Amino acid sequence: MPSLERSVPWVRKHGAVTYAALLTVQTLAVGFLLWIVFPIFSSMVANLGERQEIPVSSLIAVLSGTVVLQASYWARIRWVAVCPPCQSIFVAHVVSFAARLTFLFGGVFFSTIFFRHLPEASSLPPLGQAVLRGVSIVMVLFGLFCYSTELERLAKAVEDQSVH
């Protein structure tokens, strides 16, 4: 699959800027998702055993944030090489640590939802709601996985400039 960097002069000339912009969009999208999801998560933890109603506006916000995250991630994968800003083992460790924390939060979120709702398996919500919520959860988890993978790639590139 040809790289846009090789075929479009502007991207080749401004690859580092394009990479930084796409990584920034991904980071802002993850921050937005955490900002939306954290109150839901806190409510679930604070009110264990009670059914939680998630507003449709929150589900739409999660969907929107996830679409932006995925679009910027896959655009980066498809067209822009990783452009490390420096070479430093310390910075590489910090970025790798951030990547793992991001995915750890996703795992904790999923575990809380799964184990919180496991006892309710006998009284499931209507099929449409269940599918929408399930898809939303999987989309957020996959988005966090993609972002943590992106940070891991950056960490490897910062550690060794020859890794792209």
C-alpha atoms as a PDB file:
ATOM      1  CA  MET A   1       0.000   0.000   0.000  1.00  0.00           C
ATOM      2  CA  PRO A   2       1.643   3.246  -1.139  1.00  0.00           C
ATOM      3  CA  SER A   3       2.303   5.914   1.434  1.00  0.00           C
ATOM      4  CA  LEU A   4       0.746   9.314   0.907  1.00  0.00           C
ATOM      5  CA  GLU A   5       4.056  10.671   2.182  1.00  0.00           C
ATOM      6  CA  ARG A   6       5.781   9.266  -0.894  1.00  0.00           C
ATOM      7  CA  SER A   7       3.095  10.289  -3.372  1.00  0.00           C
ATOM      8  CA  VAL A   8       2.081  13.771  -2.164  1.00  0.00           C
ATOM      9  CA  PRO A   9       4.898  16.342  -1.857  1.00  0.00           C
ATOM     10  CA  TRP A  10       3.151  18.393   0.863  1.00  0.00           C
ATOM     11  CA  VAL A  11       2.852  15.379   3.177  1.00  0.00           C
ATOM     12  CA  ARG A  12       6.483  14.411   2.492  1.00  0.00           C
ATOM     13  CA  LYS A  13       7.654  17.946   3.293  1.00  0.00           C
ATOM     14  CA  HIS A  14       5.431  18.317   6.344  1.00  0.00           C
ATOM     15  CA  GLY A  15       5.360  14.689   7.557  1.00  0.00           C
ATOM     16  CA  ALA A  16       6.377  15.569  11.112  1.00  0.00           C
ATOM     17  CA  VAL A  17       3.736  18.292  11.306  1.00  0.00           C
ATOM     18  CA  THR A  18       1.082  15.965   9.874  1.00  0.00           C
ATOM     19  CA  TYR A  19       2.086  13.225  12.305  1.00  0.00           C
ATOM     20  CA  ALA A  20       1.983  15.634  15.256  1.00  0.00           C
ATOM     21  CA  ALA A  21      -1.425  16.928  14.155  1.00  0.00           C
ATOM     22  CA  LEU A  22      -2.894  13.430  13.829  1.00  0.00           C
ATOM     23  CA  LEU A  23      -1.438  12.338  17.185  1.00  0.00           C
ATOM     24  CA  THR A  24      -2.849  15.505  18.783  1.00  0.00           C
ATOM     25  CA  VAL A  25      -6.304  14.791  17.335  1.00  0.00           C
ATOM     26  CA  GLN A  26      -6.095  11.222  18.680  1.00  0.00           C
ATOM     27  CA  THR A  27      -5.039  12.485  22.113  1.00  0.00           C
ATOM     28  CA  LEU A  28      -7.847  15.052  22.207  1.00  0.00           C
ATOM     29  CA  ALA A  29     -10.358  12.397  21.132  1.00  0.00           C
ATOM     30  CA  VAL A  30      -9.194  10.050  23.915  1.00  0.00           C
ATOM     31  CA  GLY A  31      -9.384  12.922  26.413  1.00  0.00           C
ATOM     32  CA  PHE A  32     -12.902  13.721  25.211  1.00  0.00           C
ATOM     33  CA  LEU A  33     -13.945  10.065  25.528  1.00  0.00           C
ATOM     34  CA  LEU A  34     -12.550   9.855  29.049  1.00  0.00           C
ATOM     35  CA  TRP A  35     -14.323  13.120  29.927  1.00  0.00           C
ATOM     36  CA  ILE A  36     -17.646  11.626  28.739  1.00  0.00           C
ATOM     37  CA  VAL A  37     -17.131   8.080  30.044  1.00  0.00           C
ATOM     38  CA  PHE A  38     -15.624   8.863  33.459  1.00  0.00           C
ATOM     39  CA  PRO A  39     -18.877  10.231  34.987  1.00  0.00           C
ATOM     40  CA  ILE A  40     -20.719   7.136  33.718  1.00  0.00           C
ATOM     41  CA  PHE A  41     -18.007   4.920  35.190  1.00  0.00           C
ATOM     42  CA  SER A  42     -18.098   6.791  38.525  1.00  0.00           C
ATOM     43  CA  SER A  43     -21.870   6.506  38.689  1.00  0.00           C
ATOM     44  CA  MET A  44     -21.692   2.762  38.074  1.00  0.00           C
ATOM     45  CA  VAL A  45     -19.111   2.282  40.795  1.00  0.00           C
ATOM     46  CA  ALA A  46     -20.969   4.530  43.259  1.00  0.00           C
ATOM     47  CA  ASN A  47     -24.325   2.858  42.603  1.00  0.00           C
ATOM     48  CA  LEU A  48     -23.467  -0.813  42.292  1.00  0.00           C
ATOM     49  CA  GLY A  49     -26.527  -2.990  42.004  1.00  0.00           C
ATOM     50  CA  GLU A  50     -28.677  -0.264  40.431  1.00  0.00           C
ATOM     51  CA  ARG A  51     -29.560   0.016  36.762  1.00  0.00           C
ATOM     52  CA  GLN A  52     -27.789   2.965  35.159  1.00  0.00           C
ATOM     53  CA  GLU A  53     -29.542   4.975  32.489  1.00  0.00           C
ATOM     54  CA  ILE A  54     -27.074   6.471  30.053  1.00  0.00           C
ATOM     55  CA  PRO A  55     -28.431   9.504  28.201  1.00  0.00           C
ATOM     56  CA  VAL A  56     -28.632   9.232  24.424  1.00  0.00           C
ATOM     57  CA  SER A  57     -26.565  12.421  24.206  1.00  0.00           C
ATOM     58  CA  SER A  58     -23.715  10.636  26.005  1.00  0.00           C
ATOM     59  CA  LEU A  59     -23.925   7.685  23.613  1.00  0.00           C
ATOM     60  CA  ILE A  60     -23.841  10.069  20.632  1.00  0.00           C
ATOM     61  CA  ALA A  61     -20.841  11.893  22.151  1.00  0.00           C
ATOM     62  CA  VAL A  62     -19.048   8.563  22.644  1.00  0.00           C
ATOM     63  CA  LEU A  63     -19.807   7.572  19.051  1.00  0.00           C
ATOM     64  CA  SER A  64     -18.576  10.938  17.745  1.00  0.00           C
ATOM     65  CA  GLY A  65     -15.362  10.840  19.779  1.00  0.00           C
ATOM     66  CA  THR A  66     -14.694   7.279  18.696  1.00  0.00           C
ATOM     67  CA  VAL A  67     -15.227   8.103  15.015  1.00  0.00           C
ATOM     68  CA  VAL A  68     -12.772  11.027  15.251  1.00  0.00           C
ATOM     69  CA  LEU A  69     -10.258   8.834  17.084  1.00  0.00           C
ATOM     70  CA  GLN A  70     -10.533   6.017  14.543  1.00  0.00           C
ATOM     71  CA  ALA A  71     -10.401   8.348  11.534  1.00  0.00           C
ATOM     72  CA  SER A  72      -7.247  10.064  12.752  1.00  0.00           C
ATOM     73  CA  TYR A  73      -5.641   6.751  13.762  1.00  0.00           C
ATOM     74  CA  TRP A  74      -6.278   5.017  10.435  1.00  0.00           C
ATOM     75  CA  ALA A  75      -5.287   8.117   8.439  1.00  0.00           C
ATOM     76  CA  ARG A  76      -1.966   8.098  10.297  1.00  0.00           C
ATOM     77  CA  ILE A  77      -1.482   4.369   9.733  1.00  0.00           C
ATOM     78  CA  ARG A  78      -2.323   4.645   6.041  1.00  0.00           C
ATOM     79  CA  TRP A  79      -0.511   7.812   5.007  1.00  0.00           C
ATOM     80  CA  VAL A  80       1.941   9.152   7.591  1.00  0.00           C
ATOM     81  CA  ALA A  81       5.044   7.532   9.074  1.00  0.00           C
ATOM     82  CA  VAL A  82       5.837   7.864  12.776  1.00  0.00           C
ATOM     83  CA  CYS A  83       8.015  10.968  13.228  1.00  0.00           C
ATOM     84  CA  PRO A  84       9.679  10.930  16.640  1.00  0.00           C
ATOM     85  CA  PRO A  85      10.433  14.408  17.997  1.00  0.00           C
ATOM     86  CA  CYS A  86      13.613  13.234  19.731  1.00  0.00           C
ATOM     87  CA  GLN A  87      15.631  10.193  20.667  1.00  0.00           C
ATOM     88  CA  SER A  88      15.541   9.440  24.386  1.00  0.00           C
ATOM     89  CA  ILE A  89      15.190   6.237  26.343  1.00  0.00           C
ATOM     90  CA  PHE A  90      13.537   8.167  29.208  1.00  0.00           C
ATOM     91  CA  VAL A  91      10.919   9.794  26.946  1.00  0.00           C
ATOM     92  CA  ALA A  92      10.312   6.405  25.329  1.00  0.00           C
ATOM     93  CA  HIS A  93       9.597   4.899  28.748  1.00  0.00           C
ATOM     94  CA  VAL A  94       7.223   7.746  29.671  1.00  0.00           C
ATOM     95  CA  VAL A  95       5.297   7.372  26.389  1.00  0.00           C
ATOM     96  CA  SER A  96       5.166   3.585  26.762  1.00  0.00           C
ATOM     97  CA  PHE A  97       3.903   4.002  30.336  1.00  0.00           C
ATOM     98  CA  ALA A  98       1.160   6.374  29.107  1.00  0.00           C
ATOM     99  CA  ALA A  99       0.182   3.824  26.451  1.00  0.00           C
ATOM    100  CA  ARG A 100      -0.245   1.086  29.016  1.00  0.00           C
ATOM    101  CA  LEU A 101      -2.182   3.335  31.390  1.00  0.00           C
ATOM    102  CA  THR A 102      -4.565   4.205  28.573  1.00  0.00           C
ATOM    103  CA  PHE A 103      -5.302   0.571  27.837  1.00  0.00           C
ATOM    104  CA  LEU A 104      -5.436  -0.280  31.541  1.00  0.00           C
ATOM    105  CA  PHE A 105      -8.232   2.267  31.983  1.00  0.00           C
ATOM    106  CA  GLY A 106     -10.124   0.607  29.137  1.00  0.00           C
ATOM    107  CA  GLY A 107      -9.745  -2.793  30.791  1.00  0.00           C
ATOM    108  CA  VAL A 108     -10.954  -1.479  34.137  1.00  0.00           C
ATOM    109  CA  PHE A 109     -13.912   0.210  32.464  1.00  0.00           C
ATOM    110  CA  PHE A 110     -14.882  -2.965  30.616  1.00  0.00           C
ATOM    111  CA  SER A 111     -14.458  -5.128  33.730  1.00  0.00           C
ATOM    112  CA  THR A 112     -16.644  -2.809  35.777  1.00  0.00           C
ATOM    113  CA  ILE A 113     -19.398  -2.812  33.164  1.00  0.00           C
ATOM    114  CA  PHE A 114     -19.183  -6.549  32.528  1.00  0.00           C
ATOM    115  CA  PHE A 115     -19.124  -7.668  36.163  1.00  0.00           C
ATOM    116  CA  ARG A 116     -21.629  -5.007  37.191  1.00  0.00           C
ATOM    117  CA  HIS A 117     -24.154  -6.230  34.615  1.00  0.00           C
ATOM    118  CA  LEU A 118     -23.415  -9.964  34.808  1.00  0.00           C
ATOM    119  CA  PRO A 119     -25.966 -10.547  37.631  1.00  0.00           C
ATOM    120  CA  GLU A 120     -28.615  -8.771  35.494  1.00  0.00           C
ATOM    121  CA  ALA A 121     -28.283 -11.243  32.619  1.00  0.00           C
ATOM    122  CA  SER A 122     -31.778 -12.570  33.371  1.00  0.00           C
ATOM    123  CA  SER A 123     -33.377  -9.128  32.790  1.00  0.00           C
ATOM    124  CA  LEU A 124     -31.707  -7.765  29.667  1.00  0.00           C
ATOM    125  CA  PRO A 125     -32.684  -4.401  28.163  1.00  0.00           C
ATOM    126  CA  PRO A 126     -34.488  -4.299  24.811  1.00  0.00           C
ATOM    127  CA  LEU A 127     -32.396  -5.716  21.976  1.00  0.00           C
ATOM    128  CA  GLY A 128     -31.774  -2.326  20.314  1.00  0.00           C
ATOM    129  CA  GLN A 129     -30.479  -0.776  23.549  1.00  0.00           C
ATOM    130  CA  ALA A 130     -28.324  -3.788  24.324  1.00  0.00           C
ATOM    131  CA  VAL A 131     -26.764  -3.730  20.849  1.00  0.00           C
ATOM    132  CA  LEU A 132     -26.170   0.042  20.950  1.00  0.00           C
ATOM    133  CA  ARG A 133     -24.542  -0.137  24.376  1.00  0.00           C
ATOM    134  CA  GLY A 134     -22.499  -3.202  23.471  1.00  0.00           C
ATOM    135  CA  VAL A 135     -21.251  -1.618  20.249  1.00  0.00           C
ATOM    136  CA  SER A 136     -20.437   1.603  22.129  1.00  0.00           C
ATOM    137  CA  ILE A 137     -18.370  -0.280  24.710  1.00  0.00           C
ATOM    138  CA  VAL A 138     -16.485  -2.263  22.070  1.00  0.00           C
ATOM    139  CA  MET A 139     -15.846   0.892  20.027  1.00  0.00           C
ATOM    140  CA  VAL A 140     -14.400   2.722  23.038  1.00  0.00           C
ATOM    141  CA  LEU A 141     -12.232  -0.265  23.964  1.00  0.00           C
ATOM    142  CA  PHE A 142     -10.982  -0.669  20.413  1.00  0.00           C
ATOM    143  CA  GLY A 143     -10.300   3.067  20.187  1.00  0.00           C
ATOM    144  CA  LEU A 144      -8.267   2.971  23.405  1.00  0.00           C
ATOM    145  CA  PHE A 145      -6.408  -0.085  22.080  1.00  0.00           C
ATOM    146  CA  CYS A 146      -5.570   1.721  18.824  1.00  0.00           C
ATOM    147  CA  TYR A 147      -4.407   4.819  20.708  1.00  0.00           C
ATOM    148  CA  SER A 148      -2.244   2.781  23.075  1.00  0.00           C
ATOM    149  CA  THR A 149      -0.772   0.967  20.050  1.00  0.00           C
ATOM    150  CA  GLU A 150       0.005   4.341  18.473  1.00  0.00           C
ATOM    151  CA  LEU A 151       1.776   5.479  21.639  1.00  0.00           C
ATOM    152  CA  GLU A 152       3.749   2.226  21.719  1.00  0.00           C
ATOM    153  CA  ARG A 153       4.870   2.829  18.124  1.00  0.00           C
ATOM    154  CA  LEU A 154       5.935   6.350  19.070  1.00  0.00           C
ATOM    155  CA  ALA A 155       7.807   5.051  22.122  1.00  0.00           C
ATOM    156  CA  LYS A 156       9.723   2.559  19.950  1.00  0.00           C
ATOM    157  CA  ALA A 157      10.551   5.273  17.435  1.00  0.00           C
ATOM    158  CA  VAL A 158      11.727   7.650  20.186  1.00  0.00           C
ATOM    159  CA  GLU A 159      13.872   4.889  21.654  1.00  0.00           C
ATOM    160  CA  ASP A 160      15.389   3.995  18.288  1.00  0.00           C
ATOM    161  CA  GLN A 161      15.027   6.478  15.450  1.00  0.00           C
ATOM    162  CA  SER A 162      15.369   3.679  12.886  1.00  0.00           C
ATOM    163  CA  VAL A 163      12.069   2.066  13.978  1.00  0.00           C
ATOM    164  CA  HIS A 164       9.057   3.403  12.052  1.00  0.00           C
END
